[in-house]
Protein backbone atom coordinates (compact mmCIF):
# COMPACT_ATOMS: atom_id res chain seq x y z
CA MET A 1 -10.85 -18.04 27.02
CA THR A 2 -11.10 -21.82 27.73
CA LEU A 3 -14.47 -22.95 26.20
CA TYR A 4 -15.63 -22.16 22.94
CA THR A 5 -13.63 -19.29 21.66
CA GLY A 6 -16.31 -18.39 19.42
CA VAL A 7 -19.46 -18.64 21.91
CA ARG A 8 -18.33 -18.24 25.37
CA ALA A 9 -15.91 -15.35 24.39
CA LEU A 10 -18.87 -13.57 23.19
CA ALA A 11 -21.06 -14.39 25.71
CA ALA A 12 -18.36 -12.86 28.52
CA PHE A 13 -15.84 -10.96 26.71
CA VAL A 14 -12.69 -10.76 29.05
CA PHE A 15 -9.54 -9.91 27.68
CA MET A 16 -6.77 -8.90 30.14
CA PHE A 17 -5.08 -6.26 27.78
CA PHE A 18 -3.04 -3.42 28.84
CA ALA A 19 -2.18 -0.25 26.72
CA LEU A 20 0.03 -0.10 23.68
CA PRO A 21 1.52 1.83 21.08
CA ALA A 22 -0.50 1.52 17.97
CA GLN A 23 2.83 0.64 16.09
CA ALA A 24 4.49 -1.54 18.81
CA VAL A 25 6.53 -4.23 17.21
CA LEU A 26 6.28 -8.03 18.38
CA GLU A 27 9.47 -9.37 19.47
CA ILE A 28 10.38 -12.70 18.66
CA GLU A 29 12.22 -14.82 21.24
CA ILE A 30 13.07 -18.59 20.58
CA THR A 31 12.50 -20.43 23.92
CA LYS A 32 13.42 -23.97 22.23
CA GLY A 33 15.22 -24.76 19.24
CA VAL A 34 16.33 -27.94 17.62
CA GLU A 35 19.42 -29.65 18.76
CA GLY A 36 22.08 -30.08 16.01
CA ALA A 37 20.36 -26.95 13.99
CA LEU A 38 22.02 -26.80 10.73
CA PRO A 39 25.12 -24.15 10.70
CA ILE A 40 25.10 -21.46 8.26
CA ALA A 41 26.77 -18.65 7.34
CA VAL A 42 24.95 -15.45 6.19
CA VAL A 43 28.00 -13.37 5.12
CA PRO A 44 26.92 -9.33 5.37
CA PHE A 45 25.58 -8.41 1.91
CA ALA A 46 28.34 -6.18 0.14
CA ALA A 47 27.04 -2.62 -0.89
CA GLY A 48 27.33 -0.88 -4.40
CA ALA A 49 27.71 2.42 -5.02
CA GLY A 50 24.95 5.09 -4.19
CA GLU A 51 22.41 5.06 -1.38
CA ARG A 52 22.70 2.28 1.07
CA PRO A 53 19.81 0.76 2.39
CA SER A 54 18.08 1.16 5.42
CA GLU A 55 17.81 -2.39 6.47
CA ASP A 56 20.63 -5.08 6.87
CA ILE A 57 19.05 -7.81 4.62
CA ALA A 58 22.22 -10.26 5.92
CA ALA A 59 20.95 -9.53 9.60
CA ILE A 60 17.10 -10.27 8.81
CA VAL A 61 17.84 -13.45 6.64
CA ALA A 62 19.80 -14.69 9.68
CA ALA A 63 17.26 -14.06 12.13
CA ASP A 64 14.61 -15.67 9.92
CA LEU A 65 16.60 -18.71 9.50
CA ARG A 66 17.46 -18.71 13.42
CA ILE A 67 13.76 -18.27 14.30
CA SER A 68 12.84 -21.21 12.14
CA GLY A 69 14.86 -23.46 14.66
CA LEU A 70 16.20 -25.70 12.17
CA PHE A 71 19.12 -23.45 11.31
CA ASN A 72 22.10 -22.16 13.73
CA PRO A 73 23.52 -18.80 11.74
CA VAL A 74 27.12 -18.56 13.04
CA ALA A 75 28.82 -15.71 14.67
CA GLU A 76 30.74 -13.56 12.18
CA SER A 77 33.80 -14.17 14.46
CA ARG A 78 33.58 -17.72 13.38
CA PHE A 79 34.18 -16.91 9.58
CA PRO A 80 37.10 -18.16 7.98
CA GLU A 81 37.13 -15.40 5.67
CA TRP A 82 35.18 -12.66 4.34
CA PRO A 83 34.59 -13.21 0.59
CA PRO A 84 33.00 -10.45 -1.76
CA ASN A 85 31.73 -12.96 -3.98
CA ALA A 86 31.46 -16.62 -4.88
CA SER A 87 34.47 -16.65 -7.21
CA ALA A 88 36.58 -15.65 -4.15
CA VAL A 89 35.13 -18.27 -1.61
CA ASN A 90 37.79 -21.08 -0.26
CA TYR A 91 35.45 -23.84 0.53
CA GLN A 92 37.99 -25.72 2.37
CA ASN A 93 38.27 -22.92 4.85
CA TRP A 94 34.60 -23.10 5.55
CA ARG A 95 34.52 -27.02 5.54
CA ASN A 96 37.51 -26.67 8.30
CA ALA A 97 35.43 -24.33 10.13
CA GLY A 98 32.53 -26.76 10.37
CA ILE A 99 30.00 -24.40 8.35
CA GLU A 100 28.17 -26.51 5.19
CA SER A 101 26.12 -23.61 3.81
CA ILE A 102 26.98 -19.95 2.85
CA VAL A 103 24.94 -16.84 1.92
CA LEU A 104 26.20 -14.48 -0.05
CA GLY A 105 24.76 -11.16 -1.48
CA ARG A 106 25.01 -7.62 -2.90
CA VAL A 107 22.74 -4.66 -2.58
CA ASP A 108 22.87 -2.12 -5.31
CA ALA A 109 21.01 1.16 -5.55
CA VAL A 110 19.17 1.64 -8.79
CA ARG A 111 16.56 4.10 -10.06
CA GLY A 112 13.56 3.53 -7.69
CA GLY A 113 15.25 1.31 -4.91
CA TYR A 114 17.49 -1.32 -5.06
CA ASN A 115 18.62 -4.60 -6.94
CA ILE A 116 19.57 -7.46 -4.44
CA GLN A 117 21.63 -10.25 -5.57
CA PHE A 118 22.28 -13.47 -3.62
CA GLN A 119 23.62 -16.73 -3.66
CA LEU A 120 23.39 -20.13 -1.57
CA LEU A 121 26.66 -21.94 -1.59
CA ASP A 122 27.39 -25.68 -0.23
CA ALA A 123 30.43 -25.61 0.98
CA ILE A 124 30.48 -29.67 1.22
CA TYR A 125 30.67 -30.05 -2.43
CA GLY A 126 32.13 -26.57 -3.51
CA ARG A 127 29.11 -25.51 -5.33
CA GLN A 128 26.25 -22.82 -5.91
CA LEU A 129 22.73 -24.36 -5.06
CA ILE A 130 20.75 -21.29 -6.20
CA GLY A 131 21.37 -17.86 -7.03
CA TYR A 132 18.75 -15.02 -7.50
CA SER A 133 18.50 -11.41 -8.25
CA ILE A 134 15.44 -9.40 -6.68
CA PRO A 135 14.33 -5.97 -7.31
CA ALA A 136 12.81 -4.08 -4.30
CA THR A 137 11.63 -0.45 -3.36
CA ARG A 138 12.72 1.39 -0.11
CA THR A 139 10.01 0.27 1.65
CA GLN A 140 10.24 -3.60 0.24
CA LEU A 141 13.65 -4.36 1.54
CA ARG A 142 12.40 -6.58 4.75
CA ARG A 143 10.45 -8.29 2.13
CA ALA A 144 12.83 -8.71 0.01
CA ALA A 145 15.12 -10.14 2.78
CA HIS A 146 12.24 -12.53 3.95
CA LYS A 147 11.79 -13.76 0.45
CA ILE A 148 15.61 -14.44 0.36
CA SER A 149 15.02 -16.56 3.52
CA ASP A 150 12.05 -18.50 1.80
CA LEU A 151 14.24 -19.49 -1.07
CA VAL A 152 17.26 -20.64 1.35
CA PHE A 153 14.80 -22.45 3.50
CA ALA A 154 13.08 -24.14 0.64
CA GLU A 155 16.32 -25.12 -1.07
CA LEU A 156 17.85 -26.68 2.20
CA THR A 157 14.82 -28.35 3.76
CA GLY A 158 12.51 -29.11 0.46
CA THR A 159 9.83 -27.57 2.59
CA PRO A 160 8.60 -23.95 1.33
CA GLY A 161 9.41 -21.10 3.55
CA ALA A 162 6.81 -18.74 5.35
CA PHE A 163 8.91 -15.88 6.06
CA SER A 164 6.96 -13.68 3.65
CA THR A 165 3.78 -14.14 5.04
CA ARG A 166 1.73 -12.08 7.58
CA ILE A 167 -0.12 -12.34 10.85
CA ALA A 168 -3.17 -10.98 11.94
CA TYR A 169 -4.31 -10.21 15.65
CA ILE A 170 -6.37 -8.43 17.91
CA SER A 171 -5.00 -5.62 20.56
CA LYS A 172 -6.38 -3.38 23.02
CA GLN A 173 -5.23 0.49 23.40
CA ASP A 174 -5.92 2.88 25.60
CA THR A 175 -6.93 6.18 23.87
CA ALA A 176 -7.68 9.01 26.12
CA GLY A 177 -8.77 6.89 28.73
CA ARG A 178 -11.09 4.90 26.72
CA ASP A 179 -10.63 1.57 25.42
CA GLN A 180 -10.02 0.89 21.66
CA TYR A 181 -9.94 -2.71 20.20
CA VAL A 182 -7.64 -2.82 17.22
CA LEU A 183 -7.30 -4.97 14.40
CA GLN A 184 -3.55 -5.55 13.21
CA VAL A 185 -1.70 -7.11 10.41
CA ALA A 186 2.02 -7.60 10.53
CA ASP A 187 5.06 -9.38 8.93
CA TYR A 188 5.59 -12.95 10.38
CA ASP A 189 8.01 -11.49 12.57
CA GLY A 190 5.98 -8.77 14.15
CA HIS A 191 7.46 -5.91 12.09
CA ASN A 192 5.62 -3.67 9.87
CA PRO A 193 2.11 -3.50 11.80
CA ASN A 194 -0.49 -1.92 10.20
CA THR A 195 -3.81 -1.06 11.61
CA ILE A 196 -6.82 -2.33 9.71
CA TYR A 197 -9.62 -1.56 11.71
CA THR A 198 -10.35 0.36 15.40
CA SER A 199 -13.53 0.01 17.25
CA ASN A 200 -14.50 1.23 20.63
CA MET A 201 -16.29 -2.34 20.97
CA PRO A 202 -14.70 -5.80 21.01
CA LEU A 203 -13.30 -7.48 17.93
CA LEU A 204 -13.08 -11.12 17.54
CA SER A 205 -11.94 -13.91 15.10
CA PRO A 206 -9.85 -12.40 12.24
CA VAL A 207 -9.37 -14.74 9.62
CA TRP A 208 -7.60 -14.36 6.18
CA SER A 209 -8.96 -15.10 2.80
CA PRO A 210 -7.30 -17.68 0.77
CA ASP A 211 -6.05 -14.74 -1.44
CA GLY A 212 -4.33 -12.72 1.37
CA GLU A 213 -6.84 -9.46 0.48
CA ARG A 214 -9.48 -9.72 2.86
CA ILE A 215 -10.01 -10.42 6.54
CA ALA A 216 -13.31 -11.58 7.85
CA TYR A 217 -13.83 -10.80 11.68
CA VAL A 218 -16.74 -10.26 14.26
CA SER A 219 -17.33 -6.83 15.63
CA PHE A 220 -19.69 -5.60 18.42
CA GLU A 221 -19.85 -2.31 17.15
CA SER A 222 -23.75 -2.55 16.78
CA ASP A 223 -24.07 -3.88 20.75
CA ARG A 224 -24.58 -7.24 18.87
CA PRO A 225 -22.12 -9.65 16.94
CA GLU A 226 -21.81 -9.18 13.38
CA ILE A 227 -19.38 -10.54 10.94
CA PHE A 228 -17.54 -8.48 8.69
CA VAL A 229 -15.33 -8.87 5.69
CA GLN A 230 -12.68 -6.12 4.90
CA GLU A 231 -10.11 -5.48 2.50
CA VAL A 232 -6.62 -5.52 3.72
CA ALA A 233 -5.33 -2.92 1.66
CA GLY A 234 -8.16 -0.57 0.32
CA GLY A 235 -9.81 -1.01 3.76
CA ASN A 236 -13.41 -1.19 2.22
CA ARG A 237 -15.49 -3.28 4.51
CA THR A 238 -18.69 -5.13 4.03
CA LEU A 239 -21.07 -6.32 6.85
CA VAL A 240 -22.21 -10.09 5.59
CA ALA A 241 -23.82 -11.22 8.72
CA GLY A 242 -26.18 -8.91 10.19
CA PRO A 243 -27.51 -8.62 13.64
CA THR A 244 -29.15 -12.03 15.34
CA ARG A 245 -28.61 -13.49 18.79
CA LEU A 246 -25.37 -14.74 17.64
CA ASN A 247 -22.77 -14.36 14.79
CA SER A 248 -19.11 -15.85 15.58
CA ALA A 249 -15.84 -17.84 14.25
CA PRO A 250 -16.05 -17.08 10.41
CA ALA A 251 -13.83 -19.24 8.49
CA TRP A 252 -13.48 -18.98 4.38
CA SER A 253 -13.83 -22.00 2.27
CA PRO A 254 -10.63 -22.66 0.08
CA ASP A 255 -12.15 -21.08 -2.92
CA GLY A 256 -12.81 -18.01 -0.97
CA GLU A 257 -16.53 -18.06 -2.42
CA GLN A 258 -18.03 -18.85 0.96
CA LEU A 259 -17.71 -18.35 4.91
CA ALA A 260 -18.74 -20.93 7.28
CA LEU A 261 -19.67 -19.50 10.71
CA THR A 262 -21.43 -19.98 13.78
CA ARG A 263 -25.22 -18.47 13.96
CA SER A 264 -28.09 -18.55 16.36
CA GLU A 265 -31.65 -17.65 15.12
CA TYR A 266 -33.54 -20.94 16.29
CA GLY A 267 -32.37 -21.20 20.01
CA ASN A 268 -29.02 -23.04 20.00
CA PRO A 269 -25.84 -22.05 18.18
CA ASP A 270 -25.45 -23.99 14.77
CA ILE A 271 -22.88 -24.17 11.91
CA HIS A 272 -23.91 -22.48 8.60
CA VAL A 273 -22.45 -21.85 5.48
CA LEU A 274 -22.69 -18.47 3.89
CA ASP A 275 -22.60 -17.73 0.06
CA LEU A 276 -20.63 -14.42 -0.35
CA THR A 277 -22.29 -13.76 -3.68
CA SER A 278 -25.90 -14.62 -3.22
CA ARG A 279 -25.88 -14.11 0.49
CA ARG A 280 -27.79 -17.67 0.55
CA LEU A 281 -27.26 -19.03 4.00
CA THR A 282 -27.31 -22.85 4.66
CA ARG A 283 -27.92 -24.50 8.03
CA LEU A 284 -25.49 -27.67 8.68
CA THR A 285 -26.10 -28.85 11.87
CA ASP A 286 -29.27 -28.73 14.11
CA TYR A 287 -28.98 -30.01 17.51
CA SER A 288 -29.55 -29.21 21.06
CA SER A 289 -26.17 -28.47 21.77
CA ILE A 290 -23.53 -25.52 20.90
CA ASP A 291 -22.00 -26.25 17.62
CA THR A 292 -19.53 -23.60 16.88
CA GLU A 293 -15.69 -22.77 15.72
CA PRO A 294 -16.09 -24.33 12.05
CA VAL A 295 -12.86 -24.85 9.65
CA TRP A 296 -13.00 -26.14 6.26
CA THR A 297 -10.72 -29.26 5.05
CA PRO A 298 -8.36 -28.19 2.16
CA ASP A 299 -10.15 -30.10 -0.24
CA GLY A 300 -13.45 -28.28 0.42
CA GLN A 301 -15.45 -31.33 1.26
CA TYR A 302 -15.76 -31.19 5.04
CA LEU A 303 -16.25 -28.72 7.84
CA ILE A 304 -14.56 -29.61 11.25
CA PHE A 305 -16.18 -28.00 14.25
CA THR A 306 -16.52 -27.97 17.94
CA SER A 307 -19.65 -29.28 19.68
CA ASP A 308 -20.53 -30.36 23.37
CA ARG A 309 -23.12 -32.78 21.88
CA SER A 310 -21.15 -35.71 23.92
CA GLY A 311 -21.46 -33.89 26.95
CA GLN A 312 -18.04 -32.13 26.62
CA PRO A 313 -16.48 -30.23 24.09
CA GLN A 314 -15.15 -32.30 21.02
CA LEU A 315 -14.47 -32.04 17.49
CA TYR A 316 -16.76 -33.49 15.01
CA ARG A 317 -16.67 -33.71 10.80
CA VAL A 318 -19.72 -32.94 8.82
CA PRO A 319 -19.77 -32.87 5.15
CA VAL A 320 -20.14 -29.31 3.34
CA THR A 321 -23.54 -30.93 1.49
CA GLY A 322 -24.84 -31.94 4.91
CA GLY A 323 -25.36 -35.07 6.92
CA ASN A 324 -24.81 -36.77 9.90
CA PRO A 325 -21.61 -35.18 12.00
CA GLU A 326 -18.71 -37.63 12.83
CA ARG A 327 -16.94 -37.37 15.87
CA LEU A 328 -13.01 -37.20 15.71
CA THR A 329 -11.77 -36.80 18.81
CA TYR A 330 -12.00 -39.13 22.00
CA GLU A 331 -8.81 -38.52 23.90
CA GLY A 332 -8.97 -35.83 26.61
CA ASN A 333 -12.02 -34.39 28.25
CA TYR A 334 -11.78 -31.21 26.15
CA ASN A 335 -10.81 -30.73 22.54
CA ALA A 336 -11.87 -27.41 20.44
CA ALA A 337 -11.00 -24.62 18.17
CA ALA A 338 -9.60 -26.61 15.46
CA ASP A 339 -7.32 -25.51 12.67
CA ILE A 340 -6.35 -28.16 9.74
CA SER A 341 -2.97 -28.58 8.22
CA PRO A 342 -2.50 -27.04 4.77
CA ASP A 343 -2.04 -30.80 3.64
CA GLY A 344 -5.07 -31.56 5.56
CA THR A 345 -3.41 -34.35 7.48
CA GLN A 346 -3.60 -32.98 10.61
CA VAL A 347 -5.99 -30.90 12.94
CA ALA A 348 -4.49 -28.35 15.65
CA MET A 349 -6.84 -28.07 18.61
CA ILE A 350 -7.10 -26.74 22.25
CA HIS A 351 -6.63 -29.79 24.32
CA ASN A 352 -7.18 -30.65 27.71
CA ASP A 353 -6.57 -33.72 29.72
CA GLY A 354 -7.09 -32.37 33.21
CA THR A 355 -3.37 -30.47 33.29
CA GLY A 356 -4.56 -27.46 31.64
CA TYR A 357 -5.26 -26.05 28.24
CA HIS A 358 -2.51 -27.18 25.83
CA ILE A 359 -2.16 -26.92 22.01
CA ALA A 360 -1.88 -30.37 20.54
CA VAL A 361 -2.31 -31.98 16.96
CA GLN A 362 -4.03 -35.12 15.90
CA ASP A 363 -3.40 -37.50 13.01
CA LEU A 364 -6.65 -37.44 10.98
CA THR A 365 -6.03 -40.91 9.80
CA THR A 366 -4.60 -42.82 12.65
CA GLY A 367 -6.29 -40.81 15.22
CA GLU A 368 -2.88 -40.35 17.27
CA VAL A 369 -2.88 -37.08 19.75
CA ARG A 370 0.61 -35.33 20.34
CA VAL A 371 0.46 -32.43 23.07
CA LEU A 372 2.87 -29.79 21.76
CA THR A 373 2.85 -26.97 24.66
CA GLU A 374 2.94 -27.07 28.34
CA GLY A 375 0.86 -23.72 29.07
CA GLN A 376 -2.12 -23.57 31.29
CA LEU A 377 -4.15 -21.66 29.00
CA ASP A 378 -3.01 -21.93 25.43
CA GLU A 379 -5.55 -21.31 22.93
CA GLY A 380 -6.29 -20.01 19.04
CA PRO A 381 -4.13 -22.40 16.98
CA SER A 382 -3.37 -21.27 13.48
CA PHE A 383 -1.03 -23.25 11.15
CA ALA A 384 1.60 -21.53 9.17
CA PRO A 385 0.59 -22.03 5.55
CA ASN A 386 3.64 -24.24 5.08
CA GLY A 387 2.80 -26.42 7.80
CA SER A 388 5.83 -26.20 9.87
CA MET A 389 4.61 -24.39 12.76
CA ILE A 390 1.27 -23.34 14.77
CA LEU A 391 0.90 -19.99 16.05
CA TYR A 392 -1.27 -19.60 19.22
CA ALA A 393 -2.32 -17.12 22.06
CA SER A 394 -0.88 -17.81 25.61
CA THR A 395 0.35 -16.10 28.61
CA TYR A 396 3.76 -15.38 29.81
CA ARG A 397 4.42 -13.51 33.44
CA GLY A 398 0.76 -12.80 33.51
CA GLN A 399 0.22 -11.10 30.28
CA GLY A 400 -1.31 -12.17 26.83
CA VAL A 401 1.25 -12.88 24.21
CA LEU A 402 1.58 -14.94 20.73
CA ALA A 403 3.41 -18.26 20.60
CA ALA A 404 4.51 -20.55 18.11
CA VAL A 405 5.67 -24.54 18.32
CA SER A 406 6.72 -26.64 15.14
CA GLU A 407 4.31 -29.13 14.40
CA ASP A 408 6.69 -31.72 15.67
CA GLY A 409 6.97 -29.83 19.03
CA GLN A 410 10.73 -29.29 18.88
CA VAL A 411 10.69 -25.47 18.26
CA HIS A 412 9.17 -23.02 20.71
CA GLN A 413 9.03 -19.10 20.39
CA ARG A 414 7.32 -16.43 21.77
CA LEU A 415 6.20 -13.15 20.25
CA GLN A 416 5.90 -10.48 22.69
CA LEU A 417 5.12 -6.60 23.14
CA LYS A 418 7.26 -4.84 25.39
CA GLU A 419 3.83 -3.24 26.66
CA GLY A 420 0.29 -4.78 26.55
CA ALA A 421 -0.79 -8.23 25.21
CA VAL A 422 -2.19 -9.81 22.04
CA ARG A 423 -4.81 -12.16 21.33
CA GLU A 424 -6.87 -14.04 18.57
CA PRO A 425 -3.92 -14.90 16.00
CA ALA A 426 -4.13 -15.90 12.33
CA TRP A 427 -1.40 -16.88 10.24
CA GLY A 428 -1.93 -15.68 6.84
CA PRO A 429 -1.70 -17.65 3.42
CA LEU A 430 1.78 -18.02 1.39
CA LEU A 431 1.88 -15.18 -1.29
CA GLU A 432 4.85 -13.96 -3.50
CA ALA A 433 6.74 -11.07 -1.82
CA PRO A 434 6.79 -8.06 -4.07
């Protein structure tokens, strides 16, 4: 897909998928990190009496911090000592080893699960920065580890961590010789995948509700594009935009009460807003062009969308109350599939300046455009809820993969299944881990 992710993909749905196991885990590979990433020691957590945890909490925390690209967890062979707790730490030893931050912890078995205690220590000033106790059931150990990573990341960077978040994506599976399209949800790092919905017909454009409890998506199960809203936990699904010539590209309003979408009932695809309570549908654009891929600004006042009304796909902005769309992008001959940073200052997009389809960001105040990726067919950008990374779909060795790039372009990651391919990524909202 290169043109109009929400429209051309519906007209000619061509995904180069292979068969993959339903519970396959996405594996993250850091392809480029920040030079001079902060050295940090994550000491293996001490185990108390009783049942030992099935997950290595310290290893998960170290992996999270490494994946961020901002931290360089040091090898255990470089540890100058193995303190069981903070009172046993000789800070001078750690400073001599060039290690500035230390994470220590302990996991105790308790009735119903575990209690995880951890401390973040500043080796430079010889003091504790934060310390918490986190309860977890047996099935919540990875989530608890991600929460620890969030707290460490936030303390050391001043930016909320996004390790406790989830991603949604579409995969295609071969079941007894028959194609099945699968909407899946996983932890941000690809672990704990969970199938939300399976169909014999294509699924497209998953998008999270602001509370993280529902996903809206496009389904072709009736041979025509329809938009459904489905509970992530309960599985209940509701048809919200029924059969017509075209339904595509749903996008939640910041308050979760409306969906913007592309719909064609009068000839050309136009931007509409659907009130999910009254089911009232309001048409916002009416032009002899393809208007598609709407996204809301964080203040809920505007929609940014893709249109070819200027002759080539470009991004436009229109008030939710209606009015004349304002063109936003001028650099490059193709700009589409917008996603807006959580603070509303930047828009990520597919950008083509004649060298391929890359992920780029544009400053909405200055108009400055920065190209972040070098792939020939990168698509579907989705900002992390803390604004630090952008998830997108790409290709690697002829296979569809997910990838992520930091908003400044310094950190690059690839999320890949050992078998098969994944597309249509969507990063979920920031939520409190259990």
